[in-house]
Amino acid sequence: MKKILELNPNISIPIGFIFMGIGGFWMSDSEEKNIIQLGLIVLGGSLAFIGAVIGLVQNRKIIKKSKDQ
């Protein structure tokens, strides 16, 4: 769990948005929809959400440390 919280959220959030964009453009461009397109959108959304949560937890730790000093 500690290793996950040490990840840089500035990497996972943009990668998530890129996956969501690729899935969205691919879904709007093709006539028939498939599970891979939806999977890319869901994967991208999950990565962006996880990155946001990690950033929030890291920010709270920084604020807590600065208040203690």
Protein backbone atom coordinates (compact mmCIF):
# COMPACT_ATOMS: atom_id res chain seq x y z
CA MET A 1 0.00 0.00 0.00
CA LYS A 2 2.85 2.39 0.81
CA LYS A 3 4.44 1.80 -2.60
CA ILE A 4 1.17 2.67 -4.33
CA LEU A 5 0.90 5.92 -2.38
CA GLU A 6 4.47 6.84 -3.35
CA LEU A 7 3.58 6.83 -7.07
CA ASN A 8 3.56 10.13 -8.90
CA PRO A 9 -0.05 11.08 -9.70
CA ASN A 10 1.20 13.43 -12.43
CA ILE A 11 1.92 10.35 -14.54
CA SER A 12 -1.25 8.30 -14.09
CA ILE A 13 -3.75 11.14 -14.58
CA PRO A 14 -2.53 12.19 -18.08
CA ILE A 15 -2.16 8.56 -19.17
CA GLY A 16 -5.74 7.98 -18.05
CA PHE A 17 -6.96 10.96 -20.06
CA ILE A 18 -5.03 9.73 -23.11
CA PHE A 19 -6.63 6.27 -22.85
CA MET A 20 -10.06 7.84 -22.45
CA GLY A 21 -9.45 10.05 -25.48
CA ILE A 22 -8.27 7.16 -27.66
CA GLY A 23 -11.26 5.06 -26.66
CA GLY A 24 -13.67 7.93 -27.20
CA PHE A 25 -12.33 8.91 -30.62
CA TRP A 26 -12.24 5.28 -31.71
CA MET A 27 -15.81 4.74 -30.50
CA SER A 28 -17.11 7.85 -32.28
CA ASP A 29 -15.27 6.99 -35.51
CA SER A 30 -16.39 3.38 -35.94
CA GLU A 31 -19.87 2.19 -36.82
CA GLU A 32 -19.97 -0.85 -34.59
CA LYS A 33 -19.01 -0.59 -30.96
CA ASN A 34 -17.02 -3.29 -29.21
CA ILE A 35 -15.84 -4.12 -25.72
CA ILE A 36 -12.24 -2.99 -26.35
CA GLN A 37 -13.35 0.60 -26.94
CA LEU A 38 -15.42 0.61 -23.78
CA GLY A 39 -12.54 -1.05 -21.93
CA LEU A 40 -10.16 1.73 -22.97
CA ILE A 41 -12.57 4.38 -21.70
CA VAL A 42 -13.11 2.57 -18.38
CA LEU A 43 -9.37 1.89 -17.97
CA GLY A 44 -8.55 5.54 -18.63
CA GLY A 45 -11.19 6.73 -16.19
CA SER A 46 -9.93 4.35 -13.53
CA LEU A 47 -6.32 5.49 -13.98
CA ALA A 48 -7.32 9.14 -13.75
CA PHE A 49 -9.45 8.50 -10.65
CA ILE A 50 -6.71 6.50 -8.91
CA GLY A 51 -4.17 9.21 -9.72
CA ALA A 52 -6.48 11.83 -8.23
CA VAL A 53 -6.94 9.81 -5.04
CA ILE A 54 -3.18 9.26 -4.70
CA GLY A 55 -2.58 12.98 -5.19
CA LEU A 56 -5.19 13.83 -2.57
CA VAL A 57 -3.65 11.45 -0.01
CA GLN A 58 -0.15 12.79 -0.70
CA ASN A 59 -1.39 16.37 -0.38
CA ARG A 60 -3.02 15.62 2.97
CA LYS A 61 0.23 14.11 4.25
CA ILE A 62 2.18 17.21 3.20
CA ILE A 63 -0.34 19.53 4.87
CA LYS A 64 -0.31 17.41 8.03
CA LYS A 65 3.51 17.49 8.21
CA SER A 66 3.61 21.26 7.74
CA LYS A 67 1.05 21.79 10.52
CA ASP A 68 3.03 19.60 12.92
CA GLN A 69 6.20 21.66 12.48
